[in-house]
Amino acid sequence: RRRGDLEQQLRMIIDELGKASAKAQGLPAPVTSATRMEANRHVLYILRIQAPPQNPFPLARTPKGAVIGFLKVGYKKLFLLVSVGGAG
């Protein structure tokens, strides 16, 4: 049961990070979610800090600390648009 609880918490954290990232980038919807992470081969690194009483991060003042960022890496197919006959 404990493992299921941890997995559910991690899914919630990933979904919230995706929402915050989309908002920060001005995107209409998140591109990172727990469901999408399960469906691809990307790796997600999560940065968590412990929260001492004098912690300068107001959102991190909890006994368990706080997630303050993430980095998602993986392979993607990228496309390059080349203008034919344009200046430059």
N, C-alpha and C. Protein backbone atom coordinates (compact mmCIF):
# COMPACT_ATOMS: atom_id res chain seq x y z
N ARG A 1 0.82 -1.20 0.00
CA ARG A 1 0.00 0.00 0.00
C ARG A 1 0.86 1.26 0.00
N ARG A 2 1.94 1.26 0.72
CA ARG A 2 2.80 2.45 0.80
C ARG A 2 3.36 2.80 -0.58
N ARG A 3 3.75 1.79 -1.35
CA ARG A 3 4.30 2.05 -2.68
C ARG A 3 3.26 2.73 -3.56
N GLY A 4 2.03 2.28 -3.49
CA GLY A 4 0.95 2.89 -4.27
C GLY A 4 0.74 4.34 -3.88
N ASP A 5 0.84 4.64 -2.59
CA ASP A 5 0.70 6.02 -2.12
C ASP A 5 1.83 6.89 -2.67
N LEU A 6 3.05 6.37 -2.66
CA LEU A 6 4.19 7.12 -3.16
C LEU A 6 4.06 7.37 -4.66
N GLU A 7 3.61 6.36 -5.39
CA GLU A 7 3.42 6.52 -6.83
C GLU A 7 2.35 7.58 -7.12
N GLN A 8 1.28 7.57 -6.35
CA GLN A 8 0.22 8.56 -6.53
C GLN A 8 0.73 9.97 -6.22
N GLN A 9 1.53 10.11 -5.17
CA GLN A 9 2.11 11.41 -4.84
C GLN A 9 3.05 11.89 -5.94
N LEU A 10 3.86 10.98 -6.46
CA LEU A 10 4.79 11.35 -7.53
C LEU A 10 4.04 11.77 -8.78
N ARG A 11 2.97 11.05 -9.13
CA ARG A 11 2.15 11.42 -10.28
C ARG A 11 1.58 12.83 -10.10
N MET A 12 1.11 13.14 -8.90
CA MET A 12 0.55 14.45 -8.63
C MET A 12 1.62 15.53 -8.76
N ILE A 13 2.81 15.26 -8.24
CA ILE A 13 3.92 16.22 -8.32
C ILE A 13 4.29 16.48 -9.78
N ILE A 14 4.40 15.42 -10.57
CA ILE A 14 4.75 15.58 -11.99
C ILE A 14 3.68 16.39 -12.72
N ASP A 15 2.42 16.10 -12.45
CA ASP A 15 1.33 16.84 -13.10
C ASP A 15 1.36 18.31 -12.71
N GLU A 16 1.61 18.62 -11.44
CA GLU A 16 1.67 20.01 -10.98
C GLU A 16 2.88 20.74 -11.56
N LEU A 17 4.01 20.05 -11.65
CA LEU A 17 5.18 20.65 -12.28
C LEU A 17 4.90 20.96 -13.75
N GLY A 18 4.22 20.07 -14.43
CA GLY A 18 3.87 20.30 -15.83
C GLY A 18 2.96 21.51 -16.00
N LYS A 19 1.98 21.64 -15.11
CA LYS A 19 1.08 22.80 -15.17
C LYS A 19 1.83 24.10 -14.93
N ALA A 20 2.71 24.10 -13.92
CA ALA A 20 3.49 25.31 -13.61
C ALA A 20 4.43 25.66 -14.76
N SER A 21 5.02 24.65 -15.38
CA SER A 21 5.93 24.88 -16.50
C SER A 21 5.17 25.47 -17.69
N ALA A 22 4.00 24.93 -17.98
CA ALA A 22 3.20 25.45 -19.09
C ALA A 22 2.82 26.91 -18.84
N LYS A 23 2.45 27.21 -17.62
CA LYS A 23 2.07 28.58 -17.28
C LYS A 23 3.28 29.52 -17.44
N ALA A 24 4.44 29.09 -16.96
CA ALA A 24 5.65 29.92 -17.05
C ALA A 24 6.06 30.17 -18.50
N GLN A 25 5.78 29.22 -19.37
CA GLN A 25 6.16 29.35 -20.78
C GLN A 25 5.05 29.96 -21.64
N GLY A 26 3.91 30.23 -21.03
CA GLY A 26 2.79 30.79 -21.77
C GLY A 26 2.14 29.80 -22.71
N LEU A 27 2.23 28.52 -22.40
CA LEU A 27 1.63 27.48 -23.24
C LEU A 27 0.16 27.28 -22.86
N PRO A 28 -0.67 26.90 -23.82
CA PRO A 28 -2.08 26.70 -23.51
C PRO A 28 -2.37 25.45 -22.66
N ALA A 29 -1.45 24.48 -22.70
CA ALA A 29 -1.65 23.24 -21.95
C ALA A 29 -0.29 22.65 -21.58
N PRO A 30 -0.25 21.87 -20.52
CA PRO A 30 1.02 21.24 -20.12
C PRO A 30 1.52 20.25 -21.16
N VAL A 31 2.84 20.17 -21.31
CA VAL A 31 3.44 19.17 -22.18
C VAL A 31 4.09 18.06 -21.35
N THR A 32 4.13 18.25 -20.05
CA THR A 32 4.67 17.24 -19.14
C THR A 32 3.55 16.79 -18.21
N SER A 33 3.34 15.49 -18.14
CA SER A 33 2.37 14.92 -17.22
C SER A 33 2.81 13.50 -16.89
N ALA A 34 2.28 12.96 -15.82
CA ALA A 34 2.64 11.59 -15.42
C ALA A 34 2.22 10.60 -16.51
N THR A 35 1.07 10.81 -17.10
CA THR A 35 0.59 9.91 -18.14
C THR A 35 1.51 9.94 -19.35
N ARG A 36 1.93 11.13 -19.76
CA ARG A 36 2.84 11.24 -20.90
C ARG A 36 4.21 10.64 -20.57
N MET A 37 4.65 10.80 -19.34
CA MET A 37 5.95 10.24 -18.96
C MET A 37 5.92 8.71 -19.05
N GLU A 38 4.80 8.11 -18.74
CA GLU A 38 4.68 6.65 -18.83
C GLU A 38 4.68 6.16 -20.28
N ALA A 39 4.22 7.03 -21.18
CA ALA A 39 4.06 6.64 -22.58
C ALA A 39 5.29 6.88 -23.44
N ASN A 40 6.33 7.50 -22.88
CA ASN A 40 7.52 7.76 -23.69
C ASN A 40 8.78 7.35 -22.94
N ARG A 41 9.91 7.55 -23.57
CA ARG A 41 11.18 7.12 -22.97
C ARG A 41 11.97 8.28 -22.40
N HIS A 42 11.30 9.33 -22.00
CA HIS A 42 11.99 10.47 -21.40
C HIS A 42 12.37 10.16 -19.96
N VAL A 43 13.33 10.90 -19.47
CA VAL A 43 13.75 10.79 -18.08
C VAL A 43 13.48 12.12 -17.41
N LEU A 44 12.94 12.09 -16.21
CA LEU A 44 12.61 13.31 -15.49
C LEU A 44 13.47 13.38 -14.23
N TYR A 45 14.25 14.45 -14.12
CA TYR A 45 15.05 14.70 -12.93
C TYR A 45 14.32 15.77 -12.12
N ILE A 46 14.10 15.49 -10.85
CA ILE A 46 13.36 16.41 -9.99
C ILE A 46 14.30 16.95 -8.91
N LEU A 47 14.29 18.27 -8.73
CA LEU A 47 15.11 18.92 -7.70
C LEU A 47 14.24 19.22 -6.49
N ARG A 48 14.61 18.65 -5.37
CA ARG A 48 13.87 18.85 -4.13
C ARG A 48 14.82 19.40 -3.08
N ILE A 49 14.34 20.36 -2.31
CA ILE A 49 15.16 20.91 -1.23
C ILE A 49 14.51 20.59 0.09
N GLN A 50 15.35 20.42 1.10
CA GLN A 50 14.83 20.28 2.45
C GLN A 50 14.55 21.67 2.97
N ALA A 51 13.63 21.79 3.88
CA ALA A 51 13.17 23.10 4.30
C ALA A 51 13.50 23.40 5.77
N PRO A 52 14.67 23.96 6.02
CA PRO A 52 14.96 24.39 7.39
C PRO A 52 14.09 25.59 7.75
N PRO A 53 13.91 25.92 9.02
CA PRO A 53 13.04 27.03 9.42
C PRO A 53 13.40 28.36 8.77
N GLN A 54 14.67 28.61 8.50
CA GLN A 54 15.09 29.89 7.92
C GLN A 54 15.13 29.85 6.39
N ASN A 55 14.53 28.86 5.79
CA ASN A 55 14.55 28.69 4.35
C ASN A 55 14.01 29.93 3.64
N PRO A 56 14.74 30.48 2.66
CA PRO A 56 14.28 31.67 1.95
C PRO A 56 13.15 31.40 0.96
N PHE A 57 12.87 30.14 0.66
CA PHE A 57 11.80 29.79 -0.27
C PHE A 57 10.49 29.62 0.50
N PRO A 58 9.56 30.57 0.41
CA PRO A 58 8.35 30.49 1.21
C PRO A 58 7.51 29.25 0.94
N LEU A 59 7.52 28.73 -0.29
CA LEU A 59 6.72 27.56 -0.58
C LEU A 59 7.37 26.28 -0.05
N ALA A 60 8.61 26.38 0.38
CA ALA A 60 9.34 25.19 0.84
C ALA A 60 9.34 25.05 2.35
N ARG A 61 8.55 25.80 3.03
CA ARG A 61 8.52 25.73 4.49
C ARG A 61 7.58 24.64 4.98
N THR A 62 7.93 23.42 4.65
CA THR A 62 7.17 22.27 5.12
C THR A 62 8.18 21.27 5.68
N PRO A 63 7.74 20.39 6.55
CA PRO A 63 8.69 19.42 7.13
C PRO A 63 9.34 18.51 6.10
N LYS A 64 8.66 18.25 5.00
CA LYS A 64 9.18 17.32 3.99
C LYS A 64 9.99 18.02 2.91
N GLY A 65 10.06 19.33 2.91
CA GLY A 65 10.78 20.05 1.87
C GLY A 65 9.86 20.39 0.72
N ALA A 66 10.46 20.71 -0.43
CA ALA A 66 9.65 21.10 -1.58
C ALA A 66 10.37 20.82 -2.88
N VAL A 67 9.61 20.54 -3.90
CA VAL A 67 10.15 20.40 -5.24
C VAL A 67 10.25 21.80 -5.82
N ILE A 68 11.44 22.16 -6.30
CA ILE A 68 11.62 23.52 -6.83
C ILE A 68 11.94 23.55 -8.32
N GLY A 69 12.05 22.38 -8.94
CA GLY A 69 12.30 22.38 -10.37
C GLY A 69 12.44 20.99 -10.93
N PHE A 70 12.48 20.93 -12.26
CA PHE A 70 12.68 19.64 -12.91
C PHE A 70 13.34 19.83 -14.27
N LEU A 71 13.92 18.76 -14.76
CA LEU A 71 14.54 18.74 -16.08
C LEU A 71 14.10 17.45 -16.76
N LYS A 72 13.49 17.59 -17.93
CA LYS A 72 13.04 16.42 -18.68
C LYS A 72 13.95 16.27 -19.88
N VAL A 73 14.49 15.07 -20.07
CA VAL A 73 15.38 14.82 -21.21
C VAL A 73 14.88 13.59 -21.97
N GLY A 74 15.18 13.56 -23.26
CA GLY A 74 14.79 12.43 -24.08
C GLY A 74 14.98 12.74 -25.54
N TYR A 75 14.57 11.81 -26.38
CA TYR A 75 14.71 11.96 -27.82
C TYR A 75 13.42 12.50 -28.41
N LYS A 76 13.57 13.41 -29.37
CA LYS A 76 12.42 13.96 -30.08
C LYS A 76 12.77 14.10 -31.55
N LYS A 77 11.76 13.98 -32.39
CA LYS A 77 11.94 14.26 -33.81
C LYS A 77 11.75 15.75 -33.99
N LEU A 78 12.77 16.42 -34.46
CA LEU A 78 12.70 17.86 -34.69
C LEU A 78 12.67 18.12 -36.18
N PHE A 79 12.00 19.18 -36.57
CA PHE A 79 11.88 19.53 -37.97
C PHE A 79 12.46 20.91 -38.20
N LEU A 80 13.06 21.09 -39.35
CA LEU A 80 13.65 22.37 -39.73
C LEU A 80 12.93 22.88 -40.96
N LEU A 81 12.37 24.07 -40.88
CA LEU A 81 11.67 24.67 -42.00
C LEU A 81 12.65 25.57 -42.75
N VAL A 82 12.84 25.30 -44.02
CA VAL A 82 13.75 26.08 -44.84
C VAL A 82 12.93 26.81 -45.89
N SER A 83 13.09 28.12 -45.94
CA SER A 83 12.40 28.94 -46.90
C SER A 83 13.18 28.95 -48.22
N VAL A 84 12.53 28.58 -49.30
CA VAL A 84 13.17 28.55 -50.62
C VAL A 84 12.89 29.86 -51.34
N GLY A 85 13.94 30.50 -51.84
CA GLY A 85 13.79 31.74 -52.59
C GLY A 85 13.66 32.98 -51.72
N GLY A 86 13.84 32.82 -50.43
CA GLY A 86 13.74 33.99 -49.54
C GLY A 86 15.06 34.73 -49.45
N ALA A 87 15.02 35.90 -48.88
CA ALA A 87 16.25 36.69 -48.70
C ALA A 87 17.07 36.10 -47.58
N GLY A 88 18.36 36.23 -47.69
CA GLY A 88 19.20 35.86 -46.58
C GLY A 88 20.08 34.75 -46.86
